[in-house]
Amino acid sequence: MVYVAGRFVVLEADAEVLRGWLRSPSMSQEFTQRAKIILASAAGEGVRAMARRLEISADTVCQWRERYLQEGLDGLRTRPRSGRPRTITESKERSIVSATMKAPKARTH
């Protein structure tokens, strides 16, 4: 994971993980997009051409390339955002969502 004289180089182990992200049917779209950016960069595709092909901004391409160069695969993970802290746990949220998906007793809606 080195930038060498105009060439974006990705470690083979990292490339294999990224290709796995692309093959996985359960991987989120944001991770597959990041994998496409890094693999296309390693293949030598330019920032603007890649941005047009992926229908994203050139700034987005540059952001993920830079994060990968600085932090490797860990840099491609979503970081926590600022804002109000969560007030319920993820398990509580899942139970609420599943309860709302059940049909009410003796009613149609």
PDB file of N, CA and C in Angstrom:
ATOM      1  N   MET A   1       0.834  -1.169   0.000  1.00  0.00           N
ATOM      2  CA  MET A   1       0.000   0.000   0.000  1.00  0.00           C
ATOM      3  C   MET A   1       0.879   1.232   0.000  1.00  0.00           C
ATOM      4  N   VAL A   2       1.436   1.468  -1.128  1.00  0.00           N
ATOM      5  CA  VAL A   2       2.390   2.551  -1.282  1.00  0.00           C
ATOM      6  C   VAL A   2       2.059   3.323  -2.553  1.00  0.00           C
ATOM      7  N   TYR A   3       2.309   4.607  -2.524  1.00  0.00           N
ATOM      8  CA  TYR A   3       2.169   5.422  -3.724  1.00  0.00           C
ATOM      9  C   TYR A   3       3.572   5.631  -4.253  1.00  0.00           C
ATOM     10  N   VAL A   4       3.887   5.038  -5.409  1.00  0.00           N
ATOM     11  CA  VAL A   4       5.240   5.082  -5.943  1.00  0.00           C
ATOM     12  C   VAL A   4       5.244   5.817  -7.277  1.00  0.00           C
ATOM     13  N   ALA A   5       5.869   6.964  -7.314  1.00  0.00           N
ATOM     14  CA  ALA A   5       6.089   7.732  -8.547  1.00  0.00           C
ATOM     15  C   ALA A   5       4.894   7.698  -9.493  1.00  0.00           C
ATOM     16  N   GLY A   6       3.759   8.182  -9.012  1.00  0.00           N
ATOM     17  CA  GLY A   6       2.579   8.241  -9.846  1.00  0.00           C
ATOM     18  C   GLY A   6       1.816   6.932  -9.973  1.00  0.00           C
ATOM     19  N   ARG A   7       2.224   5.912  -9.244  1.00  0.00           N
ATOM     20  CA  ARG A   7       1.553   4.604  -9.326  1.00  0.00           C
ATOM     21  C   ARG A   7       0.985   4.253  -7.963  1.00  0.00           C
ATOM     22  N   PHE A   8      -0.264   3.893  -7.932  1.00  0.00           N
ATOM     23  CA  PHE A   8      -0.967   3.501  -6.710  1.00  0.00           C
ATOM     24  C   PHE A   8      -0.821   1.994  -6.564  1.00  0.00           C
ATOM     25  N   VAL A   9      -0.145   1.540  -5.532  1.00  0.00           N
ATOM     26  CA  VAL A   9       0.147   0.118  -5.350  1.00  0.00           C
ATOM     27  C   VAL A   9      -0.648  -0.421  -4.161  1.00  0.00           C
ATOM     28  N   VAL A  10      -1.309  -1.543  -4.359  1.00  0.00           N
ATOM     29  CA  VAL A  10      -2.092  -2.191  -3.313  1.00  0.00           C
ATOM     30  C   VAL A  10      -1.475  -3.547  -3.021  1.00  0.00           C
ATOM     31  N   LEU A  11      -1.309  -3.873  -1.747  1.00  0.00           N
ATOM     32  CA  LEU A  11      -0.787  -5.183  -1.367  1.00  0.00           C
ATOM     33  C   LEU A  11      -1.725  -6.276  -1.871  1.00  0.00           C
ATOM     34  N   GLU A  12      -1.186  -7.409  -2.301  1.00  0.00           N
ATOM     35  CA  GLU A  12      -2.003  -8.490  -2.837  1.00  0.00           C
ATOM     36  C   GLU A  12      -3.000  -9.002  -1.800  1.00  0.00           C
ATOM     37  N   ALA A  13      -2.590  -9.074  -0.537  1.00  0.00           N
ATOM     38  CA  ALA A  13      -3.510  -9.521   0.517  1.00  0.00           C
ATOM     39  C   ALA A  13      -4.691  -8.560   0.641  1.00  0.00           C
ATOM     40  N   ASP A  14      -4.412  -7.261   0.561  1.00  0.00           N
ATOM     41  CA  ASP A  14      -5.482  -6.262   0.620  1.00  0.00           C
ATOM     42  C   ASP A  14      -6.383  -6.365  -0.602  1.00  0.00           C
ATOM     43  N   ALA A  15      -5.793  -6.569  -1.769  1.00  0.00           N
ATOM     44  CA  ALA A  15      -6.577  -6.688  -3.001  1.00  0.00           C
ATOM     45  C   ALA A  15      -7.511  -7.890  -2.928  1.00  0.00           C
ATOM     46  N   GLU A  16      -7.055  -8.974  -2.336  1.00  0.00           N
ATOM     47  CA  GLU A  16      -7.901 -10.158  -2.202  1.00  0.00           C
ATOM     48  C   GLU A  16      -9.085  -9.876  -1.284  1.00  0.00           C
ATOM     49  N   VAL A  17      -8.849  -9.161  -0.188  1.00  0.00           N
ATOM     50  CA  VAL A  17      -9.944  -8.780   0.714  1.00  0.00           C
ATOM     51  C   VAL A  17     -10.945  -7.892  -0.023  1.00  0.00           C
ATOM     52  N   LEU A  18     -10.446  -6.925  -0.772  1.00  0.00           N
ATOM     53  CA  LEU A  18     -11.320  -6.010  -1.510  1.00  0.00           C
ATOM     54  C   LEU A  18     -12.132  -6.749  -2.571  1.00  0.00           C
ATOM     55  N   ARG A  19     -11.524  -7.706  -3.257  1.00  0.00           N
ATOM     56  CA  ARG A  19     -12.266  -8.505  -4.233  1.00  0.00           C
ATOM     57  C   ARG A  19     -13.340  -9.339  -3.539  1.00  0.00           C
ATOM     58  N   GLY A  20     -13.045  -9.783  -2.319  1.00  0.00           N
ATOM     59  CA  GLY A  20     -14.045 -10.500  -1.518  1.00  0.00           C
ATOM     60  C   GLY A  20     -15.235  -9.605  -1.178  1.00  0.00           C
ATOM     61  N   TRP A  21     -14.960  -8.338  -0.882  1.00  0.00           N
ATOM     62  CA  TRP A  21     -16.045  -7.384  -0.622  1.00  0.00           C
ATOM     63  C   TRP A  21     -16.946  -7.269  -1.849  1.00  0.00           C
ATOM     64  N   LEU A  22     -16.345  -7.240  -3.035  1.00  0.00           N
ATOM     65  CA  LEU A  22     -17.123  -7.094  -4.262  1.00  0.00           C
ATOM     66  C   LEU A  22     -17.969  -8.336  -4.543  1.00  0.00           C
ATOM     67  N   ARG A  23     -17.480  -9.510  -4.170  1.00  0.00           N
ATOM     68  CA  ARG A  23     -18.212 -10.758  -4.419  1.00  0.00           C
ATOM     69  C   ARG A  23     -19.307 -11.015  -3.394  1.00  0.00           C
ATOM     70  N   SER A  24     -19.204 -10.415  -2.236  1.00  0.00           N
ATOM     71  CA  SER A  24     -20.130 -10.703  -1.144  1.00  0.00           C
ATOM     72  C   SER A  24     -21.508 -10.083  -1.394  1.00  0.00           C
ATOM     73  N   PRO A  25     -22.561 -10.900  -1.389  1.00  0.00           N
ATOM     74  CA  PRO A  25     -23.900 -10.360  -1.614  1.00  0.00           C
ATOM     75  C   PRO A  25     -24.416  -9.546  -0.423  1.00  0.00           C
ATOM     76  N   SER A  26     -23.820  -9.731   0.746  1.00  0.00           N
ATOM     77  CA  SER A  26     -24.299  -9.021   1.934  1.00  0.00           C
ATOM     78  C   SER A  26     -23.480  -7.775   2.265  1.00  0.00           C
ATOM     79  N   MET A  27     -22.449  -7.495   1.484  1.00  0.00           N
ATOM     80  CA  MET A  27     -21.616  -6.326   1.746  1.00  0.00           C
ATOM     81  C   MET A  27     -22.375  -5.061   1.366  1.00  0.00           C
ATOM     82  N   SER A  28     -22.265  -4.038   2.195  1.00  0.00           N
ATOM     83  CA  SER A  28     -22.989  -2.801   1.918  1.00  0.00           C
ATOM     84  C   SER A  28     -22.417  -2.098   0.695  1.00  0.00           C
ATOM     85  N   GLN A  29     -23.256  -1.282   0.093  1.00  0.00           N
ATOM     86  CA  GLN A  29     -22.881  -0.577  -1.123  1.00  0.00           C
ATOM     87  C   GLN A  29     -21.704   0.363  -0.879  1.00  0.00           C
ATOM     88  N   GLU A  30     -21.640   0.956   0.297  1.00  0.00           N
ATOM     89  CA  GLU A  30     -20.542   1.889   0.567  1.00  0.00           C
ATOM     90  C   GLU A  30     -19.189   1.178   0.565  1.00  0.00           C
ATOM     91  N   PHE A  31     -19.140  -0.047   1.082  1.00  0.00           N
ATOM     92  CA  PHE A  31     -17.880  -0.786   1.095  1.00  0.00           C
ATOM     93  C   PHE A  31     -17.501  -1.278  -0.300  1.00  0.00           C
ATOM     94  N   THR A  32     -18.493  -1.686  -1.084  1.00  0.00           N
ATOM     95  CA  THR A  32     -18.168  -2.127  -2.440  1.00  0.00           C
ATOM     96  C   THR A  32     -17.677  -0.952  -3.280  1.00  0.00           C
ATOM     97  N   GLN A  33     -18.239   0.220  -3.067  1.00  0.00           N
ATOM     98  CA  GLN A  33     -17.769   1.393  -3.803  1.00  0.00           C
ATOM     99  C   GLN A  33     -16.318   1.712  -3.426  1.00  0.00           C
ATOM    100  N   ARG A  34     -16.003   1.630  -2.148  1.00  0.00           N
ATOM    101  CA  ARG A  34     -14.628   1.895  -1.701  1.00  0.00           C
ATOM    102  C   ARG A  34     -13.670   0.863  -2.278  1.00  0.00           C
ATOM    103  N   ALA A  35     -14.094  -0.389  -2.333  1.00  0.00           N
ATOM    104  CA  ALA A  35     -13.255  -1.445  -2.912  1.00  0.00           C
ATOM    105  C   ALA A  35     -13.005  -1.166  -4.392  1.00  0.00           C
ATOM    106  N   LYS A  36     -14.040  -0.747  -5.105  1.00  0.00           N
ATOM    107  CA  LYS A  36     -13.889  -0.423  -6.526  1.00  0.00           C
ATOM    108  C   LYS A  36     -12.896   0.718  -6.720  1.00  0.00           C
ATOM    109  N   ILE A  37     -12.944   1.708  -5.848  1.00  0.00           N
ATOM    110  CA  ILE A  37     -12.036   2.853  -5.949  1.00  0.00           C
ATOM    111  C   ILE A  37     -10.590   2.402  -5.786  1.00  0.00           C
ATOM    112  N   ILE A  38     -10.325   1.612  -4.765  1.00  0.00           N
ATOM    113  CA  ILE A  38      -8.949   1.195  -4.481  1.00  0.00           C
ATOM    114  C   ILE A  38      -8.436   0.250  -5.574  1.00  0.00           C
ATOM    115  N   LEU A  39      -9.250  -0.700  -6.000  1.00  0.00           N
ATOM    116  CA  LEU A  39      -8.807  -1.638  -7.034  1.00  0.00           C
ATOM    117  C   LEU A  39      -8.610  -0.937  -8.379  1.00  0.00           C
ATOM    118  N   ALA A  40      -9.477   0.002  -8.716  1.00  0.00           N
ATOM    119  CA  ALA A  40      -9.311   0.750  -9.965  1.00  0.00           C
ATOM    120  C   ALA A  40      -8.075   1.636  -9.904  1.00  0.00           C
ATOM    121  N   SER A  41      -7.790   2.184  -8.736  1.00  0.00           N
ATOM    122  CA  SER A  41      -6.584   2.999  -8.565  1.00  0.00           C
ATOM    123  C   SER A  41      -5.338   2.148  -8.775  1.00  0.00           C
ATOM    124  N   ALA A  42      -5.363   0.938  -8.231  1.00  0.00           N
ATOM    125  CA  ALA A  42      -4.223   0.033  -8.396  1.00  0.00           C
ATOM    126  C   ALA A  42      -4.054  -0.375  -9.858  1.00  0.00           C
ATOM    127  N   ALA A  43      -5.166  -0.414 -10.595  1.00  0.00           N
ATOM    128  CA  ALA A  43      -5.105  -0.775 -12.017  1.00  0.00           C
ATOM    129  C   ALA A  43      -4.654   0.396 -12.876  1.00  0.00           C
ATOM    130  N   GLY A  44      -4.504   1.575 -12.256  1.00  0.00           N
ATOM    131  CA  GLY A  44      -3.995   2.726 -12.980  1.00  0.00           C
ATOM    132  C   GLY A  44      -5.048   3.666 -13.532  1.00  0.00           C
ATOM    133  N   GLU A  45      -6.301   3.457 -13.179  1.00  0.00           N
ATOM    134  CA  GLU A  45      -7.363   4.331 -13.678  1.00  0.00           C
ATOM    135  C   GLU A  45      -7.248   5.708 -13.022  1.00  0.00           C
ATOM    136  N   GLY A  46      -7.448   6.746 -13.788  1.00  0.00           N
ATOM    137  CA  GLY A  46      -7.355   8.109 -13.294  1.00  0.00           C
ATOM    138  C   GLY A  46      -8.527   8.493 -12.413  1.00  0.00           C
ATOM    139  N   VAL A  47      -8.309   9.495 -11.582  1.00  0.00           N
ATOM    140  CA  VAL A  47      -9.318   9.934 -10.624  1.00  0.00           C
ATOM    141  C   VAL A  47     -10.587  10.416 -11.336  1.00  0.00           C
ATOM    142  N   ARG A  48     -10.451  11.285 -12.310  1.00  0.00           N
ATOM    143  CA  ARG A  48     -11.628  11.847 -12.981  1.00  0.00           C
ATOM    144  C   ARG A  48     -12.399  10.788 -13.771  1.00  0.00           C
ATOM    145  N   ALA A  49     -11.681   9.937 -14.469  1.00  0.00           N
ATOM    146  CA  ALA A  49     -12.333   8.874 -15.232  1.00  0.00           C
ATOM    147  C   ALA A  49     -13.082   7.926 -14.297  1.00  0.00           C
ATOM    148  N   MET A  50     -12.457   7.588 -13.176  1.00  0.00           N
ATOM    149  CA  MET A  50     -13.077   6.708 -12.205  1.00  0.00           C
ATOM    150  C   MET A  50     -14.320   7.361 -11.608  1.00  0.00           C
ATOM    151  N   ALA A  51     -14.221   8.641 -11.280  1.00  0.00           N
ATOM    152  CA  ALA A  51     -15.352   9.364 -10.705  1.00  0.00           C
ATOM    153  C   ALA A  51     -16.536   9.366 -11.677  1.00  0.00           C
ATOM    154  N   ARG A  52     -16.260   9.595 -12.955  1.00  0.00           N
ATOM    155  CA  ARG A  52     -17.343   9.567 -13.960  1.00  0.00           C
ATOM    156  C   ARG A  52     -17.954   8.173 -14.062  1.00  0.00           C
ATOM    157  N   ARG A  53     -17.105   7.157 -14.127  1.00  0.00           N
ATOM    158  CA  ARG A  53     -17.592   5.782 -14.280  1.00  0.00           C
ATOM    159  C   ARG A  53     -18.432   5.348 -13.082  1.00  0.00           C
ATOM    160  N   LEU A  54     -17.991   5.693 -11.868  1.00  0.00           N
ATOM    161  CA  LEU A  54     -18.700   5.291 -10.647  1.00  0.00           C
ATOM    162  C   LEU A  54     -19.807   6.271 -10.255  1.00  0.00           C
ATOM    163  N   GLU A  55     -19.908   7.376 -11.014  1.00  0.00           N
ATOM    164  CA  GLU A  55     -20.910   8.409 -10.760  1.00  0.00           C
ATOM    165  C   GLU A  55     -20.801   8.986  -9.345  1.00  0.00           C
ATOM    166  N   ILE A  56     -19.580   9.334  -8.985  1.00  0.00           N
ATOM    167  CA  ILE A  56     -19.296   9.991  -7.713  1.00  0.00           C
ATOM    168  C   ILE A  56     -18.375  11.167  -7.991  1.00  0.00           C
ATOM    169  N   SER A  57     -18.094  11.958  -6.967  1.00  0.00           N
ATOM    170  CA  SER A  57     -17.219  13.104  -7.180  1.00  0.00           C
ATOM    171  C   SER A  57     -15.749  12.682  -7.131  1.00  0.00           C
ATOM    172  N   ALA A  58     -14.917  13.485  -7.777  1.00  0.00           N
ATOM    173  CA  ALA A  58     -13.473  13.234  -7.740  1.00  0.00           C
ATOM    174  C   ALA A  58     -12.955  13.384  -6.316  1.00  0.00           C
ATOM    175  N   ASP A  59     -13.575  14.276  -5.531  1.00  0.00           N
ATOM    176  CA  ASP A  59     -13.181  14.438  -4.128  1.00  0.00           C
ATOM    177  C   ASP A  59     -13.398  13.155  -3.337  1.00  0.00           C
ATOM    178  N   THR A  60     -14.492  12.456  -3.624  1.00  0.00           N
ATOM    179  CA  THR A  60     -14.763  11.187  -2.939  1.00  0.00           C
ATOM    180  C   THR A  60     -13.696  10.157  -3.282  1.00  0.00           C
ATOM    181  N   VAL A  61     -13.329  10.082  -4.550  1.00  0.00           N
ATOM    182  CA  VAL A  61     -12.277   9.152  -4.974  1.00  0.00           C
ATOM    183  C   VAL A  61     -10.982   9.481  -4.234  1.00  0.00           C
ATOM    184  N   CYS A  62     -10.616  10.757  -4.210  1.00  0.00           N
ATOM    185  CA  CYS A  62      -9.378  11.174  -3.547  1.00  0.00           C
ATOM    186  C   CYS A  62      -9.410  10.885  -2.049  1.00  0.00           C
ATOM    187  N   GLN A  63     -10.572  11.101  -1.433  1.00  0.00           N
ATOM    188  CA  GLN A  63     -10.699  10.850   0.007  1.00  0.00           C
ATOM    189  C   GLN A  63     -10.402   9.396   0.333  1.00  0.00           C
ATOM    190  N   TRP A  64     -10.999   8.446  -0.400  1.00  0.00           N
ATOM    191  CA  TRP A  64     -10.808   7.034  -0.088  1.00  0.00           C
ATOM    192  C   TRP A  64      -9.429   6.537  -0.482  1.00  0.00           C
ATOM    193  N   ARG A  65      -8.882   7.079  -1.549  1.00  0.00           N
ATOM    194  CA  ARG A  65      -7.495   6.731  -1.895  1.00  0.00           C
ATOM    195  C   ARG A  65      -6.552   7.173  -0.784  1.00  0.00           C
ATOM    196  N   GLU A  66      -6.726   8.388  -0.312  1.00  0.00           N
ATOM    197  CA  GLU A  66      -5.861   8.931   0.745  1.00  0.00           C
ATOM    198  C   GLU A  66      -6.017   8.145   2.040  1.00  0.00           C
ATOM    199  N   ARG A  67      -7.249   7.824   2.410  1.00  0.00           N
ATOM    200  CA  ARG A  67      -7.472   7.061   3.645  1.00  0.00           C
ATOM    201  C   ARG A  67      -6.822   5.683   3.542  1.00  0.00           C
ATOM    202  N   TYR A  68      -6.904   5.050   2.356  1.00  0.00           N
ATOM    203  CA  TYR A  68      -6.264   3.748   2.186  1.00  0.00           C
ATOM    204  C   TYR A  68      -4.741   3.880   2.293  1.00  0.00           C
ATOM    205  N   LEU A  69      -4.175   4.896   1.657  1.00  0.00           N
ATOM    206  CA  LEU A  69      -2.722   5.079   1.708  1.00  0.00           C
ATOM    207  C   LEU A  69      -2.236   5.318   3.131  1.00  0.00           C
ATOM    208  N   GLN A  70      -3.012   6.032   3.923  1.00  0.00           N
ATOM    209  CA  GLN A  70      -2.585   6.353   5.285  1.00  0.00           C
ATOM    210  C   GLN A  70      -2.851   5.227   6.281  1.00  0.00           C
ATOM    211  N   GLU A  71      -3.987   4.514   6.121  1.00  0.00           N
ATOM    212  CA  GLU A  71      -4.405   3.574   7.157  1.00  0.00           C
ATOM    213  C   GLU A  71      -4.629   2.148   6.674  1.00  0.00           C
ATOM    214  N   GLY A  72      -4.473   1.913   5.386  1.00  0.00           N
ATOM    215  CA  GLY A  72      -4.724   0.574   4.861  1.00  0.00           C
ATOM    216  C   GLY A  72      -6.211   0.258   4.857  1.00  0.00           C
ATOM    217  N   LEU A  73      -6.563  -1.015   4.969  1.00  0.00           N
ATOM    218  CA  LEU A  73      -7.970  -1.426   4.931  1.00  0.00           C
ATOM    219  C   LEU A  73      -8.776  -0.822   6.075  1.00  0.00           C
ATOM    220  N   ASP A  74      -8.144  -0.615   7.224  1.00  0.00           N
ATOM    221  CA  ASP A  74      -8.859  -0.009   8.357  1.00  0.00           C
ATOM    222  C   ASP A  74      -9.359   1.386   8.023  1.00  0.00           C
ATOM    223  N   GLY A  75      -8.669   2.085   7.144  1.00  0.00           N
ATOM    224  CA  GLY A  75      -9.086   3.422   6.749  1.00  0.00           C
ATOM    225  C   GLY A  75     -10.346   3.427   5.915  1.00  0.00           C
ATOM    226  N   LEU A  76     -10.739   2.275   5.378  1.00  0.00           N
ATOM    227  CA  LEU A  76     -11.938   2.190   4.556  1.00  0.00           C
ATOM    228  C   LEU A  76     -13.195   1.936   5.378  1.00  0.00           C
ATOM    229  N   ARG A  77     -13.027   1.712   6.665  1.00  0.00           N
ATOM    230  CA  ARG A  77     -14.182   1.505   7.548  1.00  0.00           C
ATOM    231  C   ARG A  77     -14.865   2.839   7.803  1.00  0.00           C
ATOM    232  N   THR A  78     -16.148   2.790   8.091  1.00  0.00           N
ATOM    233  CA  THR A  78     -16.906   3.995   8.393  1.00  0.00           C
ATOM    234  C   THR A  78     -16.571   4.439   9.809  1.00  0.00           C
ATOM    235  N   ARG A  79     -16.225   5.689   9.944  1.00  0.00           N
ATOM    236  CA  ARG A  79     -15.885   6.227  11.264  1.00  0.00           C
ATOM    237  C   ARG A  79     -17.137   6.759  11.950  1.00  0.00           C
ATOM    238  N   PRO A  80     -17.129   6.758  13.281  1.00  0.00           N
ATOM    239  CA  PRO A  80     -18.271   7.338  13.994  1.00  0.00           C
ATOM    240  C   PRO A  80     -18.407   8.823  13.661  1.00  0.00           C
ATOM    241  N   ARG A  81     -19.623   9.273  13.551  1.00  0.00           N
ATOM    242  CA  ARG A  81     -19.867  10.672  13.232  1.00  0.00           C
ATOM    243  C   ARG A  81     -20.219  11.442  14.493  1.00  0.00           C
ATOM    244  N   SER A  82     -20.060  12.732  14.410  1.00  0.00           N
ATOM    245  CA  SER A  82     -20.412  13.553  15.555  1.00  0.00           C
ATOM    246  C   SER A  82     -21.927  13.649  15.644  1.00  0.00           C
ATOM    247  N   GLY A  83     -22.387  14.086  16.756  1.00  0.00           N
ATOM    248  CA  GLY A  83     -23.826  14.236  16.939  1.00  0.00           C
ATOM    249  C   GLY A  83     -24.270  13.648  18.258  1.00  0.00           C
ATOM    250  N   ARG A  84     -25.562  13.635  18.415  1.00  0.00           N
ATOM    251  CA  ARG A  84     -26.145  13.152  19.656  1.00  0.00           C
ATOM    252  C   ARG A  84     -25.858  11.661  19.825  1.00  0.00           C
ATOM    253  N   PRO A  85     -25.453  11.247  21.025  1.00  0.00           N
ATOM    254  CA  PRO A  85     -25.181   9.828  21.260  1.00  0.00           C
ATOM    255  C   PRO A  85     -26.477   9.008  21.206  1.00  0.00           C
ATOM    256  N   ARG A  86     -26.352   7.747  20.853  1.00  0.00           N
ATOM    257  CA  ARG A  86     -27.509   6.855  20.801  1.00  0.00           C
ATOM    258  C   ARG A  86     -28.115   6.701  22.185  1.00  0.00           C
ATOM    259  N   THR A  87     -29.442   6.619  22.220  1.00  0.00           N
ATOM    260  CA  THR A  87     -30.114   6.461  23.513  1.00  0.00           C
ATOM    261  C   THR A  87     -30.614   5.042  23.725  1.00  0.00           C
ATOM    262  N   ILE A  88     -30.663   4.234  22.653  1.00  0.00           N
ATOM    263  CA  ILE A  88     -31.054   2.833  22.793  1.00  0.00           C
ATOM    264  C   ILE A  88     -29.964   1.955  22.178  1.00  0.00           C
ATOM    265  N   THR A  89     -29.918   0.728  22.649  1.00  0.00           N
ATOM    266  CA  THR A  89     -28.905  -0.198  22.147  1.00  0.00           C
ATOM    267  C   THR A  89     -29.349  -0.772  20.799  1.00  0.00           C
ATOM    268  N   GLU A  90     -28.401  -1.368  20.084  1.00  0.00           N
ATOM    269  CA  GLU A  90     -28.728  -1.973  18.792  1.00  0.00           C
ATOM    270  C   GLU A  90     -29.712  -3.121  18.952  1.00  0.00           C
ATOM    271  N   SER A  91     -29.578  -3.911  20.022  1.00  0.00           N
ATOM    272  CA  SER A  91     -30.504  -5.034  20.217  1.00  0.00           C
ATOM    273  C   SER A  91     -31.921  -4.523  20.478  1.00  0.00           C
ATOM    274  N   LYS A  92     -32.046  -3.445  21.229  1.00  0.00           N
ATOM    275  CA  LYS A  92     -33.363  -2.855  21.474  1.00  0.00           C
ATOM    276  C   LYS A  92     -33.959  -2.325  20.170  1.00  0.00           C
ATOM    277  N   GLU A  93     -33.130  -1.703  19.352  1.00  0.00           N
ATOM    278  CA  GLU A  93     -33.587  -1.200  18.060  1.00  0.00           C
ATOM    279  C   GLU A  93     -34.084  -2.346  17.178  1.00  0.00           C
ATOM    280  N   ARG A  94     -33.351  -3.454  17.141  1.00  0.00           N
ATOM    281  CA  ARG A  94     -33.771  -4.613  16.352  1.00  0.00           C
ATOM    282  C   ARG A  94     -35.102  -5.169  16.848  1.00  0.00           C
ATOM    283  N   SER A  95     -35.283  -5.221  18.175  1.00  0.00           N
ATOM    284  CA  SER A  95     -36.533  -5.761  18.712  1.00  0.00           C
ATOM    285  C   SER A  95     -37.713  -4.848  18.369  1.00  0.00           C
ATOM    286  N   ILE A  96     -37.506  -3.546  18.371  1.00  0.00           N
ATOM    287  CA  ILE A  96     -38.567  -2.608  18.007  1.00  0.00           C
ATOM    288  C   ILE A  96     -38.935  -2.780  16.532  1.00  0.00           C
ATOM    289  N   VAL A  97     -37.926  -2.871  15.682  1.00  0.00           N
ATOM    290  CA  VAL A  97     -38.184  -3.038  14.248  1.00  0.00           C
ATOM    291  C   VAL A  97     -38.912  -4.347  13.983  1.00  0.00           C
ATOM    292  N   SER A  98     -38.496  -5.429  14.613  1.00  0.00           N
ATOM    293  CA  SER A  98     -39.159  -6.712  14.380  1.00  0.00           C
ATOM    294  C   SER A  98     -40.596  -6.677  14.909  1.00  0.00           C
ATOM    295  N   ALA A  99     -40.853  -5.981  16.009  1.00  0.00           N
ATOM    296  CA  ALA A  99     -42.221  -5.871  16.543  1.00  0.00           C
ATOM    297  C   ALA A  99     -43.120  -5.105  15.587  1.00  0.00           C
ATOM    298  N   THR A 100     -42.589  -4.115  14.911  1.00  0.00           N
ATOM    299  CA  THR A 100     -43.407  -3.342  13.974  1.00  0.00           C
ATOM    300  C   THR A 100     -43.671  -4.098  12.688  1.00  0.00           C
ATOM    301  N   MET A 101     -42.921  -5.132  12.407  1.00  0.00           N
ATOM    302  CA  MET A 101     -43.097  -5.898  11.178  1.00  0.00           C
ATOM    303  C   MET A 101     -44.175  -6.977  11.317  1.00  0.00           C
ATOM    304  N   LYS A 102     -44.618  -7.260  12.536  1.00  0.00           N
ATOM    305  CA  LYS A 102     -45.630  -8.288  12.767  1.00  0.00           C
ATOM    306  C   LYS A 102     -47.019  -7.700  12.544  1.00  0.00           C
ATOM    307  N   ALA A 103     -47.916  -8.502  11.964  1.00  0.00           N
ATOM    308  CA  ALA A 103     -49.295  -8.057  11.765  1.00  0.00           C
ATOM    309  C   ALA A 103     -50.014  -8.011  13.106  1.00  0.00           C
ATOM    310  N   PRO A 104     -50.800  -6.981  13.359  1.00  0.00           N
ATOM    311  CA  PRO A 104     -51.537  -6.899  14.625  1.00  0.00           C
ATOM    312  C   PRO A 104     -52.591  -8.014  14.717  1.00  0.00           C
ATOM    313  N   LYS A 105     -52.934  -8.411  15.932  1.00  0.00           N
ATOM    314  CA  LYS A 105     -53.914  -9.470  16.144  1.00  0.00           C
ATOM    315  C   LYS A 105     -55.302  -8.952  15.758  1.00  0.00           C
ATOM    316  N   ALA A 106     -56.025  -9.758  14.983  1.00  0.00           N
ATOM    317  CA  ALA A 106     -57.407  -9.473  14.573  1.00  0.00           C
ATOM    318  C   ALA A 106     -57.559  -8.169  13.792  1.00  0.00           C
ATOM    319  N   ARG A 107     -56.506  -7.709  13.165  1.00  0.00           N
ATOM    320  CA  ARG A 107     -56.587  -6.501  12.339  1.00  0.00           C
ATOM    321  C   ARG A 107     -55.785  -6.723  11.065  1.00  0.00           C
ATOM    322  N   THR A 108     -56.086  -5.940  10.078  1.00  0.00           N
ATOM    323  CA  THR A 108     -55.354  -6.079   8.819  1.00  0.00           C
ATOM    324  C   THR A 108     -54.214  -5.099   8.702  1.00  0.00           C
ATOM    325  N   HIS A 109     -54.242  -4.020   9.480  1.00  0.00           N
ATOM    326  CA  HIS A 109     -53.174  -3.011   9.386  1.00  0.00           C
ATOM    327  C   HIS A 109     -52.648  -2.677  10.758  1.00  0.00           C
TER     328      HIS A 109
END
